[in-house]
């Protein structure tokens, strides 16, 4: 999970995808590998192995943040207009985190 967390800025919706795996790590939960953790593992593995093209951040380019939240955690993407088109916003970074039980 440490590697996955470090690569989170390259992957959209990491907090949501990793919830079944994080649930296994709680001290009060019995570690039982089943269908939901297996599907989460495969989804994260596929996301990390797919080619993700992030644009280099340009401080002079138009920039916007698109953010959303689910019951698992908030997420955001930093977008910038590329040189080729003013209609195409390309991601420069992703961010997400899981919510604690108190925050949920």
N, C-alpha and C. Protein backbone atom coordinates (compact mmCIF):
# COMPACT_ATOMS: atom_id res chain seq x y z
N UNK A 1 0.82 -1.19 0.00
CA UNK A 1 0.00 0.00 0.00
C UNK A 1 0.87 1.25 0.00
N UNK A 2 2.07 1.16 0.56
CA UNK A 2 2.96 2.32 0.59
C UNK A 2 3.31 2.76 -0.83
N UNK A 3 3.65 1.80 -1.70
CA UNK A 3 3.99 2.13 -3.08
C UNK A 3 2.78 2.75 -3.79
N UNK A 4 1.63 2.18 -3.57
CA UNK A 4 0.41 2.69 -4.20
C UNK A 4 0.14 4.12 -3.74
N UNK A 5 0.30 4.39 -2.46
CA UNK A 5 0.09 5.75 -1.95
C UNK A 5 1.07 6.73 -2.58
N UNK A 6 2.31 6.31 -2.76
CA UNK A 6 3.31 7.20 -3.37
C UNK A 6 3.02 7.49 -4.83
N UNK A 7 2.36 6.58 -5.50
CA UNK A 7 2.03 6.77 -6.91
C UNK A 7 0.63 7.37 -7.10
N UNK A 8 0.00 7.76 -6.03
CA UNK A 8 -1.37 8.26 -6.09
C UNK A 8 -1.55 9.49 -6.95
N UNK A 9 -0.53 10.32 -7.07
CA UNK A 9 -0.71 11.54 -7.88
C UNK A 9 -0.78 11.23 -9.38
N UNK A 10 -0.47 9.99 -9.75
CA UNK A 10 -0.55 9.58 -11.15
C UNK A 10 -1.82 8.78 -11.44
N UNK A 11 -2.62 8.54 -10.43
CA UNK A 11 -3.79 7.67 -10.55
C UNK A 11 -5.04 8.37 -10.05
N UNK A 12 -6.07 8.38 -10.86
CA UNK A 12 -7.33 9.00 -10.45
C UNK A 12 -8.11 8.06 -9.54
N UNK A 13 -8.81 8.61 -8.57
CA UNK A 13 -9.73 7.88 -7.68
C UNK A 13 -9.06 6.79 -6.85
N UNK A 14 -7.81 7.00 -6.47
CA UNK A 14 -7.10 5.98 -5.71
C UNK A 14 -7.77 5.67 -4.38
N UNK A 15 -8.23 6.67 -3.67
CA UNK A 15 -8.86 6.43 -2.36
C UNK A 15 -10.08 5.52 -2.49
N UNK A 16 -10.86 5.74 -3.52
CA UNK A 16 -12.05 4.91 -3.73
C UNK A 16 -11.67 3.49 -4.13
N UNK A 17 -10.70 3.36 -5.04
CA UNK A 17 -10.30 2.03 -5.51
C UNK A 17 -9.64 1.20 -4.41
N UNK A 18 -8.93 1.84 -3.50
CA UNK A 18 -8.15 1.10 -2.50
C UNK A 18 -8.93 0.81 -1.21
N UNK A 19 -10.15 1.25 -1.09
CA UNK A 19 -10.91 1.06 0.15
C UNK A 19 -11.00 -0.40 0.59
N UNK A 20 -11.32 -1.36 -0.27
CA UNK A 20 -11.37 -2.75 0.20
C UNK A 20 -10.03 -3.26 0.74
N UNK A 21 -8.93 -2.77 0.20
CA UNK A 21 -7.62 -3.18 0.69
C UNK A 21 -7.30 -2.52 2.03
N UNK A 22 -7.64 -1.25 2.15
CA UNK A 22 -7.39 -0.54 3.41
C UNK A 22 -8.24 -1.11 4.54
N UNK A 23 -9.44 -1.57 4.21
CA UNK A 23 -10.30 -2.18 5.23
C UNK A 23 -9.66 -3.42 5.83
N UNK A 24 -8.87 -4.14 5.05
CA UNK A 24 -8.18 -5.33 5.56
C UNK A 24 -7.11 -4.97 6.59
N UNK A 25 -6.61 -3.75 6.56
CA UNK A 25 -5.50 -3.35 7.43
C UNK A 25 -5.95 -2.83 8.79
N UNK A 26 -7.24 -2.66 9.01
CA UNK A 26 -7.72 -2.18 10.31
C UNK A 26 -7.48 -3.25 11.37
N UNK A 27 -7.05 -2.82 12.54
CA UNK A 27 -6.71 -3.78 13.60
C UNK A 27 -7.92 -4.58 14.08
N UNK A 28 -9.11 -4.03 13.95
CA UNK A 28 -10.31 -4.73 14.42
C UNK A 28 -10.88 -5.70 13.39
N UNK A 29 -10.38 -5.66 12.16
CA UNK A 29 -10.90 -6.52 11.10
C UNK A 29 -10.04 -7.77 10.94
N UNK A 30 -10.71 -8.87 10.68
CA UNK A 30 -9.99 -10.10 10.37
C UNK A 30 -9.52 -10.01 8.92
N UNK A 31 -8.27 -10.41 8.68
CA UNK A 31 -7.73 -10.35 7.32
C UNK A 31 -8.25 -11.56 6.55
N UNK A 32 -9.22 -11.31 5.68
CA UNK A 32 -9.77 -12.37 4.83
C UNK A 32 -9.77 -11.86 3.40
N UNK A 33 -8.95 -12.50 2.57
CA UNK A 33 -8.85 -12.09 1.17
C UNK A 33 -10.05 -12.67 0.43
N UNK A 34 -10.86 -11.80 -0.12
CA UNK A 34 -12.05 -12.24 -0.84
C UNK A 34 -12.18 -11.51 -2.16
N UNK A 35 -13.38 -11.52 -2.69
CA UNK A 35 -13.64 -10.91 -3.99
C UNK A 35 -13.41 -9.39 -4.01
N UNK A 36 -13.96 -8.61 -3.05
CA UNK A 36 -13.74 -7.15 -3.12
C UNK A 36 -12.26 -6.74 -3.05
N UNK A 37 -11.45 -7.30 -2.14
CA UNK A 37 -10.03 -6.92 -2.16
C UNK A 37 -9.31 -7.37 -3.44
N UNK A 38 -9.68 -8.51 -3.95
CA UNK A 38 -9.06 -9.00 -5.20
C UNK A 38 -9.38 -8.05 -6.36
N UNK A 39 -10.65 -7.65 -6.46
CA UNK A 39 -11.04 -6.71 -7.52
C UNK A 39 -10.34 -5.37 -7.36
N UNK A 40 -10.21 -4.90 -6.13
CA UNK A 40 -9.52 -3.63 -5.87
C UNK A 40 -8.05 -3.74 -6.27
N UNK A 41 -7.41 -4.85 -5.92
CA UNK A 41 -6.01 -5.06 -6.28
C UNK A 41 -5.83 -5.06 -7.79
N UNK A 42 -6.69 -5.76 -8.51
CA UNK A 42 -6.60 -5.81 -9.97
C UNK A 42 -6.83 -4.43 -10.57
N UNK A 43 -7.82 -3.69 -10.06
CA UNK A 43 -8.11 -2.35 -10.58
C UNK A 43 -6.92 -1.42 -10.38
N UNK A 44 -6.33 -1.43 -9.19
CA UNK A 44 -5.18 -0.57 -8.92
C UNK A 44 -3.99 -0.98 -9.77
N UNK A 45 -3.76 -2.27 -9.89
CA UNK A 45 -2.65 -2.77 -10.71
C UNK A 45 -2.83 -2.33 -12.16
N UNK A 46 -4.05 -2.44 -12.68
CA UNK A 46 -4.32 -2.01 -14.05
C UNK A 46 -4.11 -0.50 -14.22
N UNK A 47 -4.59 0.28 -13.24
CA UNK A 47 -4.42 1.73 -13.30
C UNK A 47 -2.94 2.11 -13.31
N UNK A 48 -2.15 1.45 -12.46
CA UNK A 48 -0.73 1.79 -12.38
C UNK A 48 0.05 1.32 -13.60
N UNK A 49 -0.43 0.28 -14.27
CA UNK A 49 0.30 -0.22 -15.44
C UNK A 49 -0.14 0.46 -16.73
N UNK A 50 -1.27 1.19 -16.70
CA UNK A 50 -1.71 1.94 -17.88
C UNK A 50 -0.85 3.17 -18.06
N UNK A 51 -0.72 3.56 -19.30
CA UNK A 51 0.05 4.77 -19.61
C UNK A 51 -0.76 5.98 -19.18
N UNK A 52 -0.25 6.70 -18.22
CA UNK A 52 -0.89 7.93 -17.75
C UNK A 52 -0.02 9.10 -18.17
N UNK A 53 -0.56 9.94 -18.99
CA UNK A 53 0.20 11.09 -19.46
C UNK A 53 -0.19 12.32 -18.67
N UNK A 54 0.72 12.78 -17.84
CA UNK A 54 0.50 14.01 -17.11
C UNK A 54 1.28 15.11 -17.80
N UNK A 55 0.65 16.26 -17.95
CA UNK A 55 1.33 17.41 -18.54
C UNK A 55 2.28 17.99 -17.50
N UNK A 56 3.35 18.59 -17.97
CA UNK A 56 4.23 19.31 -17.06
C UNK A 56 3.53 20.59 -16.63
N UNK A 57 3.65 20.93 -15.38
CA UNK A 57 2.98 22.12 -14.87
C UNK A 57 3.64 23.37 -15.45
N UNK A 58 2.83 24.26 -15.99
CA UNK A 58 3.30 25.53 -16.54
C UNK A 58 2.66 26.64 -15.72
N UNK A 59 3.45 27.41 -14.95
CA UNK A 59 2.86 28.45 -14.11
C UNK A 59 2.14 29.54 -14.88
N UNK A 60 2.38 29.64 -16.19
CA UNK A 60 1.75 30.69 -17.00
C UNK A 60 0.49 30.21 -17.72
N UNK A 61 0.25 28.92 -17.74
CA UNK A 61 -0.91 28.38 -18.46
C UNK A 61 -2.17 28.49 -17.61
N UNK A 62 -3.34 28.62 -18.27
CA UNK A 62 -4.60 28.60 -17.52
C UNK A 62 -4.72 27.28 -16.75
N UNK A 63 -5.15 27.38 -15.51
CA UNK A 63 -5.19 26.23 -14.61
C UNK A 63 -6.53 26.17 -13.90
N UNK A 64 -7.00 24.94 -13.68
CA UNK A 64 -8.20 24.77 -12.85
C UNK A 64 -8.09 23.48 -12.06
N UNK A 65 -8.82 23.43 -10.97
CA UNK A 65 -8.87 22.25 -10.13
C UNK A 65 -10.29 21.70 -10.19
N UNK A 66 -10.40 20.42 -10.46
CA UNK A 66 -11.69 19.76 -10.44
C UNK A 66 -11.68 18.81 -9.24
N UNK A 67 -12.60 19.02 -8.32
CA UNK A 67 -12.62 18.24 -7.09
C UNK A 67 -13.99 17.62 -6.87
N UNK A 68 -13.99 16.50 -6.17
CA UNK A 68 -15.22 15.81 -5.85
C UNK A 68 -14.95 14.96 -4.61
N UNK A 69 -15.99 14.47 -4.00
CA UNK A 69 -15.84 13.60 -2.83
C UNK A 69 -16.88 12.51 -2.88
N UNK A 70 -16.49 11.37 -2.36
CA UNK A 70 -17.42 10.26 -2.20
C UNK A 70 -17.48 9.95 -0.70
N UNK A 71 -18.18 8.92 -0.35
CA UNK A 71 -18.23 8.55 1.07
C UNK A 71 -16.91 7.94 1.53
N UNK A 72 -16.01 7.62 0.60
CA UNK A 72 -14.71 7.05 0.94
C UNK A 72 -13.64 8.10 1.11
N UNK A 73 -13.73 9.21 0.37
CA UNK A 73 -12.72 10.25 0.48
C UNK A 73 -12.82 11.27 -0.63
N UNK A 74 -12.12 12.40 -0.45
CA UNK A 74 -12.10 13.44 -1.48
C UNK A 74 -11.05 13.14 -2.54
N UNK A 75 -11.25 13.70 -3.71
CA UNK A 75 -10.29 13.56 -4.79
C UNK A 75 -10.27 14.82 -5.63
N UNK A 76 -9.17 15.03 -6.32
CA UNK A 76 -9.05 16.23 -7.16
C UNK A 76 -8.08 15.96 -8.29
N UNK A 77 -8.20 16.76 -9.32
CA UNK A 77 -7.25 16.72 -10.43
C UNK A 77 -6.91 18.16 -10.78
N UNK A 78 -5.63 18.41 -10.99
CA UNK A 78 -5.15 19.72 -11.42
C UNK A 78 -5.04 19.68 -12.93
N UNK A 79 -5.73 20.58 -13.62
CA UNK A 79 -5.80 20.58 -15.08
C UNK A 79 -5.21 21.86 -15.63
N UNK A 80 -4.58 21.74 -16.81
CA UNK A 80 -4.09 22.92 -17.52
C UNK A 80 -4.38 22.77 -19.00
N UNK A 81 -4.55 23.93 -19.65
CA UNK A 81 -4.74 23.96 -21.09
C UNK A 81 -3.40 23.66 -21.76
N UNK A 82 -3.45 22.78 -22.76
CA UNK A 82 -2.22 22.48 -23.50
C UNK A 82 -2.01 23.54 -24.58
N UNK A 83 -0.83 23.58 -25.14
CA UNK A 83 -0.51 24.55 -26.18
C UNK A 83 -1.34 24.36 -27.44
N UNK A 84 -1.72 23.11 -27.73
CA UNK A 84 -2.39 22.80 -28.99
C UNK A 84 -3.81 23.35 -29.07
N UNK A 85 -4.51 23.35 -27.95
CA UNK A 85 -5.93 23.68 -28.01
C UNK A 85 -6.37 24.36 -26.72
N UNK A 86 -7.22 25.33 -26.84
CA UNK A 86 -7.75 25.98 -25.65
C UNK A 86 -8.95 25.22 -25.10
N UNK A 87 -9.42 24.21 -25.83
CA UNK A 87 -10.57 23.42 -25.38
C UNK A 87 -10.16 22.14 -24.67
N UNK A 88 -8.88 21.81 -24.68
CA UNK A 88 -8.44 20.53 -24.13
C UNK A 88 -7.64 20.76 -22.85
N UNK A 89 -8.20 20.34 -21.74
CA UNK A 89 -7.54 20.45 -20.45
C UNK A 89 -6.87 19.12 -20.14
N UNK A 90 -5.58 19.15 -19.86
CA UNK A 90 -4.81 17.94 -19.60
C UNK A 90 -4.43 17.88 -18.12
N UNK A 91 -4.52 16.69 -17.50
CA UNK A 91 -4.17 16.59 -16.08
C UNK A 91 -2.67 16.79 -15.85
N UNK A 92 -2.35 17.52 -14.78
CA UNK A 92 -0.95 17.67 -14.37
C UNK A 92 -0.69 16.92 -13.07
N UNK A 93 -1.72 16.66 -12.28
CA UNK A 93 -1.56 15.89 -11.04
C UNK A 93 -2.93 15.45 -10.54
N UNK A 94 -2.93 14.32 -9.84
CA UNK A 94 -4.13 13.82 -9.18
C UNK A 94 -3.89 13.85 -7.67
N UNK A 95 -4.94 13.95 -6.90
CA UNK A 95 -4.83 13.88 -5.45
C UNK A 95 -6.09 13.21 -4.90
N UNK A 96 -5.90 12.34 -3.93
CA UNK A 96 -7.03 11.73 -3.24
C UNK A 96 -6.54 11.22 -1.90
N UNK A 97 -7.46 11.06 -1.01
CA UNK A 97 -7.13 10.47 0.28
C UNK A 97 -8.37 9.80 0.83
N UNK A 98 -8.15 8.86 1.71
CA UNK A 98 -9.28 8.18 2.32
C UNK A 98 -9.69 8.93 3.59
N UNK A 99 -10.96 8.84 3.91
CA UNK A 99 -11.47 9.47 5.11
C UNK A 99 -11.40 8.50 6.28
N UNK A 100 -11.14 9.04 7.45
CA UNK A 100 -11.17 8.21 8.66
C UNK A 100 -12.62 7.89 9.01
N UNK A 101 -12.81 6.97 9.93
CA UNK A 101 -14.18 6.62 10.36
C UNK A 101 -14.91 7.85 10.88
N UNK A 102 -14.20 8.71 11.60
CA UNK A 102 -14.82 9.92 12.15
C UNK A 102 -15.27 10.86 11.04
N UNK A 103 -14.46 11.00 10.00
CA UNK A 103 -14.79 11.90 8.89
C UNK A 103 -15.94 11.37 8.04
N UNK A 104 -16.08 10.06 7.99
CA UNK A 104 -17.15 9.48 7.18
C UNK A 104 -18.48 9.72 7.85
